Amino acid sequence: MDKITNKYETIFVVDTTIGDENVASVVEKFKTMIEKSCTVESVEDWGKRRLAYPIEDRTEGYYTLINFVAEPDFIKELDRVYNITDGILRTITIKK
């Protein structure tokens, strides 16, 4: 039986006050995690941008957008890892 897969889009914002090297390592961590478990359609590094409103007294964040195809169970694991990773300000994952 075929596994059920869906198209997803995730955007995550990394705190820029942790330093450029740490920002790069957090972004690479999630790119690698998604590439190992899913089929990646596109990755867009939007770079450092001003936040629409302050989050934890931060006014800037590093944005990354990833489009991918995955099984629904992977999204739960991705959210779990987002929540336990230091430096992540905000995330959103949507089913397309």
N, C-alpha and C. Protein backbone atom coordinates (compact mmCIF):
# COMPACT_ATOMS: atom_id res chain seq x y z
N MET A 1 0.84 -1.18 0.00
CA MET A 1 0.00 0.00 0.00
C MET A 1 0.89 1.24 0.00
N ASP A 2 0.52 2.23 -0.78
CA ASP A 2 1.29 3.46 -0.88
C ASP A 2 1.15 4.30 0.38
N LYS A 3 2.24 4.95 0.73
CA LYS A 3 2.20 5.85 1.87
C LYS A 3 1.54 7.16 1.45
N ILE A 4 0.82 7.75 2.36
CA ILE A 4 0.16 9.02 2.09
C ILE A 4 1.17 10.15 2.28
N THR A 5 1.27 10.99 1.27
CA THR A 5 2.15 12.15 1.38
C THR A 5 1.38 13.40 0.97
N ASN A 6 1.79 14.51 1.52
CA ASN A 6 1.18 15.80 1.22
C ASN A 6 2.26 16.83 0.98
N LYS A 7 1.88 17.90 0.32
CA LYS A 7 2.81 19.01 0.12
C LYS A 7 2.67 19.97 1.29
N TYR A 8 3.80 20.42 1.81
CA TYR A 8 3.83 21.33 2.95
C TYR A 8 4.75 22.50 2.66
N GLU A 9 4.54 23.56 3.42
CA GLU A 9 5.39 24.73 3.38
C GLU A 9 5.67 25.12 4.82
N THR A 10 6.93 25.32 5.15
CA THR A 10 7.28 25.75 6.50
C THR A 10 8.15 26.99 6.42
N ILE A 11 7.87 27.91 7.32
CA ILE A 11 8.69 29.10 7.48
C ILE A 11 9.12 29.13 8.93
N PHE A 12 10.41 29.36 9.17
CA PHE A 12 10.86 29.53 10.54
C PHE A 12 11.75 30.76 10.63
N VAL A 13 11.66 31.41 11.81
CA VAL A 13 12.39 32.64 12.06
C VAL A 13 13.38 32.36 13.19
N VAL A 14 14.66 32.65 12.90
CA VAL A 14 15.73 32.40 13.87
C VAL A 14 16.16 33.73 14.48
N ASP A 15 16.39 33.73 15.77
CA ASP A 15 16.85 34.90 16.51
C ASP A 15 18.24 35.29 16.03
N THR A 16 18.41 36.51 15.56
CA THR A 16 19.71 36.95 15.02
C THR A 16 20.71 37.33 16.11
N THR A 17 20.26 37.46 17.36
CA THR A 17 21.18 37.84 18.43
C THR A 17 22.07 36.68 18.88
N ILE A 18 21.83 35.48 18.38
CA ILE A 18 22.66 34.34 18.77
C ILE A 18 23.95 34.26 17.97
N GLY A 19 24.10 35.15 16.99
CA GLY A 19 25.34 35.19 16.19
C GLY A 19 25.16 34.52 14.84
N ASP A 20 25.92 35.00 13.86
CA ASP A 20 25.79 34.51 12.50
C ASP A 20 26.09 33.02 12.36
N GLU A 21 27.11 32.54 13.05
CA GLU A 21 27.46 31.11 12.97
C GLU A 21 26.34 30.24 13.53
N ASN A 22 25.78 30.66 14.66
CA ASN A 22 24.70 29.89 15.27
C ASN A 22 23.43 29.94 14.43
N VAL A 23 23.14 31.09 13.82
CA VAL A 23 21.99 31.19 12.93
C VAL A 23 22.16 30.21 11.77
N ALA A 24 23.35 30.20 11.17
CA ALA A 24 23.62 29.30 10.05
C ALA A 24 23.49 27.83 10.46
N SER A 25 23.93 27.49 11.66
CA SER A 25 23.85 26.10 12.10
C SER A 25 22.40 25.68 12.38
N VAL A 26 21.59 26.58 12.92
CA VAL A 26 20.17 26.26 13.16
C VAL A 26 19.45 26.06 11.82
N VAL A 27 19.70 26.96 10.87
CA VAL A 27 19.08 26.84 9.55
C VAL A 27 19.51 25.53 8.89
N GLU A 28 20.78 25.22 8.94
CA GLU A 28 21.30 24.00 8.33
C GLU A 28 20.72 22.76 9.00
N LYS A 29 20.53 22.82 10.31
CA LYS A 29 19.94 21.70 11.06
C LYS A 29 18.58 21.33 10.50
N PHE A 30 17.73 22.34 10.27
CA PHE A 30 16.39 22.07 9.79
C PHE A 30 16.37 21.71 8.30
N LYS A 31 17.24 22.31 7.52
CA LYS A 31 17.34 21.91 6.10
C LYS A 31 17.71 20.43 6.01
N THR A 32 18.71 20.02 6.79
CA THR A 32 19.17 18.64 6.77
C THR A 32 18.08 17.69 7.27
N MET A 33 17.41 18.06 8.34
CA MET A 33 16.35 17.22 8.90
C MET A 33 15.25 16.97 7.87
N ILE A 34 14.84 18.03 7.18
CA ILE A 34 13.77 17.91 6.19
C ILE A 34 14.26 17.13 4.97
N GLU A 35 15.48 17.37 4.53
CA GLU A 35 16.01 16.65 3.37
C GLU A 35 16.14 15.15 3.61
N LYS A 36 16.46 14.75 4.84
CA LYS A 36 16.61 13.33 5.16
C LYS A 36 15.28 12.58 5.12
N SER A 37 14.21 13.23 5.56
CA SER A 37 12.93 12.55 5.72
C SER A 37 11.91 12.85 4.63
N CYS A 38 12.18 13.84 3.80
CA CYS A 38 11.18 14.32 2.85
C CYS A 38 11.79 14.57 1.48
N THR A 39 10.91 14.88 0.54
CA THR A 39 11.34 15.33 -0.77
C THR A 39 11.24 16.85 -0.78
N VAL A 40 12.37 17.53 -0.87
CA VAL A 40 12.39 18.99 -0.84
C VAL A 40 12.14 19.53 -2.24
N GLU A 41 11.18 20.44 -2.35
CA GLU A 41 10.89 21.08 -3.63
C GLU A 41 11.68 22.36 -3.81
N SER A 42 11.78 23.16 -2.75
CA SER A 42 12.55 24.40 -2.83
C SER A 42 12.92 24.88 -1.44
N VAL A 43 14.04 25.62 -1.39
CA VAL A 43 14.51 26.24 -0.15
C VAL A 43 14.83 27.69 -0.48
N GLU A 44 14.24 28.60 0.28
CA GLU A 44 14.51 30.02 0.07
C GLU A 44 14.97 30.64 1.38
N ASP A 45 16.20 31.14 1.39
CA ASP A 45 16.70 31.88 2.54
C ASP A 45 16.37 33.35 2.30
N TRP A 46 15.42 33.85 3.05
CA TRP A 46 15.02 35.25 2.89
C TRP A 46 15.97 36.19 3.61
N GLY A 47 16.78 35.65 4.49
CA GLY A 47 17.76 36.47 5.19
C GLY A 47 17.19 37.22 6.38
N LYS A 48 17.97 38.20 6.84
CA LYS A 48 17.58 38.98 8.01
C LYS A 48 16.54 40.02 7.61
N ARG A 49 15.43 40.03 8.34
CA ARG A 49 14.35 40.98 8.07
C ARG A 49 13.80 41.50 9.39
N ARG A 50 13.18 42.65 9.29
CA ARG A 50 12.53 43.25 10.45
C ARG A 50 11.23 42.49 10.73
N LEU A 51 10.98 42.21 12.00
CA LEU A 51 9.76 41.54 12.39
C LEU A 51 8.58 42.52 12.35
N ALA A 52 7.40 42.00 12.10
CA ALA A 52 6.20 42.84 12.06
C ALA A 52 5.89 43.41 13.44
N TYR A 53 6.25 42.68 14.48
CA TYR A 53 6.06 43.12 15.87
C TYR A 53 7.16 42.47 16.70
N PRO A 54 7.53 43.07 17.81
CA PRO A 54 8.60 42.49 18.63
C PRO A 54 8.20 41.13 19.21
N ILE A 55 9.13 40.19 19.16
CA ILE A 55 8.95 38.87 19.75
C ILE A 55 10.09 38.70 20.75
N GLU A 56 9.74 38.54 22.02
CA GLU A 56 10.75 38.40 23.08
C GLU A 56 11.75 39.56 23.02
N ASP A 57 11.27 40.76 22.81
CA ASP A 57 12.06 41.99 22.71
C ASP A 57 13.03 41.99 21.53
N ARG A 58 12.81 41.14 20.55
CA ARG A 58 13.63 41.11 19.33
C ARG A 58 12.87 41.83 18.22
N THR A 59 13.60 42.55 17.37
CA THR A 59 12.96 43.27 16.27
C THR A 59 13.39 42.75 14.90
N GLU A 60 14.38 41.84 14.87
CA GLU A 60 14.84 41.26 13.62
C GLU A 60 14.94 39.74 13.75
N GLY A 61 14.77 39.07 12.61
CA GLY A 61 14.92 37.63 12.58
C GLY A 61 15.42 37.17 11.23
N TYR A 62 15.97 35.97 11.18
CA TYR A 62 16.45 35.38 9.93
C TYR A 62 15.39 34.40 9.46
N TYR A 63 14.81 34.66 8.28
CA TYR A 63 13.70 33.89 7.75
C TYR A 63 14.18 32.84 6.75
N THR A 64 13.58 31.64 6.82
CA THR A 64 13.84 30.58 5.85
C THR A 64 12.52 29.92 5.50
N LEU A 65 12.29 29.72 4.20
CA LEU A 65 11.08 29.07 3.68
C LEU A 65 11.49 27.78 3.00
N ILE A 66 10.81 26.67 3.34
CA ILE A 66 11.09 25.39 2.71
C ILE A 66 9.78 24.77 2.26
N ASN A 67 9.71 24.39 0.99
CA ASN A 67 8.58 23.65 0.43
C ASN A 67 9.00 22.19 0.28
N PHE A 68 8.16 21.26 0.75
CA PHE A 68 8.54 19.85 0.72
C PHE A 68 7.32 18.95 0.67
N VAL A 69 7.57 17.68 0.36
CA VAL A 69 6.54 16.64 0.35
C VAL A 69 6.89 15.66 1.46
N ALA A 70 5.91 15.38 2.34
CA ALA A 70 6.19 14.52 3.49
C ALA A 70 4.95 13.77 3.92
N GLU A 71 5.18 12.78 4.78
CA GLU A 71 4.09 12.07 5.42
C GLU A 71 3.57 12.92 6.57
N PRO A 72 2.30 12.83 6.89
CA PRO A 72 1.72 13.66 7.97
C PRO A 72 2.40 13.50 9.33
N ASP A 73 2.92 12.32 9.64
CA ASP A 73 3.58 12.09 10.93
C ASP A 73 4.85 12.93 11.09
N PHE A 74 5.51 13.24 9.98
CA PHE A 74 6.76 14.02 10.04
C PHE A 74 6.51 15.42 10.60
N ILE A 75 5.35 15.99 10.33
CA ILE A 75 5.04 17.35 10.76
C ILE A 75 5.03 17.45 12.28
N LYS A 76 4.52 16.44 12.96
CA LYS A 76 4.54 16.42 14.42
C LYS A 76 5.97 16.45 14.95
N GLU A 77 6.84 15.66 14.34
CA GLU A 77 8.24 15.61 14.76
C GLU A 77 8.94 16.93 14.47
N LEU A 78 8.66 17.53 13.32
CA LEU A 78 9.25 18.82 12.97
C LEU A 78 8.85 19.89 13.99
N ASP A 79 7.58 19.94 14.34
CA ASP A 79 7.11 20.91 15.34
C ASP A 79 7.77 20.66 16.71
N ARG A 80 7.93 19.41 17.06
CA ARG A 80 8.57 19.07 18.34
C ARG A 80 10.01 19.60 18.37
N VAL A 81 10.74 19.38 17.30
CA VAL A 81 12.13 19.82 17.24
C VAL A 81 12.21 21.35 17.20
N TYR A 82 11.28 22.00 16.47
CA TYR A 82 11.22 23.47 16.50
C TYR A 82 11.10 23.97 17.94
N ASN A 83 10.21 23.35 18.70
CA ASN A 83 9.92 23.82 20.06
C ASN A 83 11.07 23.63 21.03
N ILE A 84 11.94 22.66 20.80
CA ILE A 84 13.03 22.42 21.75
C ILE A 84 14.35 23.03 21.29
N THR A 85 14.36 23.70 20.14
CA THR A 85 15.59 24.28 19.62
C THR A 85 15.73 25.73 20.08
N ASP A 86 16.86 26.04 20.71
CA ASP A 86 17.14 27.41 21.12
C ASP A 86 17.38 28.27 19.89
N GLY A 87 16.86 29.49 19.92
CA GLY A 87 17.07 30.42 18.83
C GLY A 87 15.91 30.52 17.86
N ILE A 88 14.94 29.64 17.95
CA ILE A 88 13.77 29.72 17.07
C ILE A 88 12.77 30.67 17.70
N LEU A 89 12.41 31.74 16.96
CA LEU A 89 11.43 32.70 17.46
C LEU A 89 10.00 32.32 17.09
N ARG A 90 9.78 31.98 15.82
CA ARG A 90 8.44 31.62 15.35
C ARG A 90 8.56 30.61 14.23
N THR A 91 7.53 29.76 14.11
CA THR A 91 7.45 28.81 13.01
C THR A 91 6.01 28.69 12.56
N ILE A 92 5.85 28.27 11.33
CA ILE A 92 4.53 27.90 10.84
C ILE A 92 4.73 26.86 9.74
N THR A 93 3.93 25.83 9.80
CA THR A 93 3.95 24.79 8.76
C THR A 93 2.52 24.62 8.29
N ILE A 94 2.32 24.73 6.99
CA ILE A 94 0.97 24.59 6.43
C ILE A 94 0.94 23.53 5.36
N LYS A 95 -0.21 22.88 5.23
CA LYS A 95 -0.42 21.92 4.16
C LYS A 95 -0.95 22.70 2.96
N LYS A 96 -0.33 22.49 1.82
CA LYS A 96 -0.73 23.22 0.62
C LYS A 96 -1.96 22.60 0.00
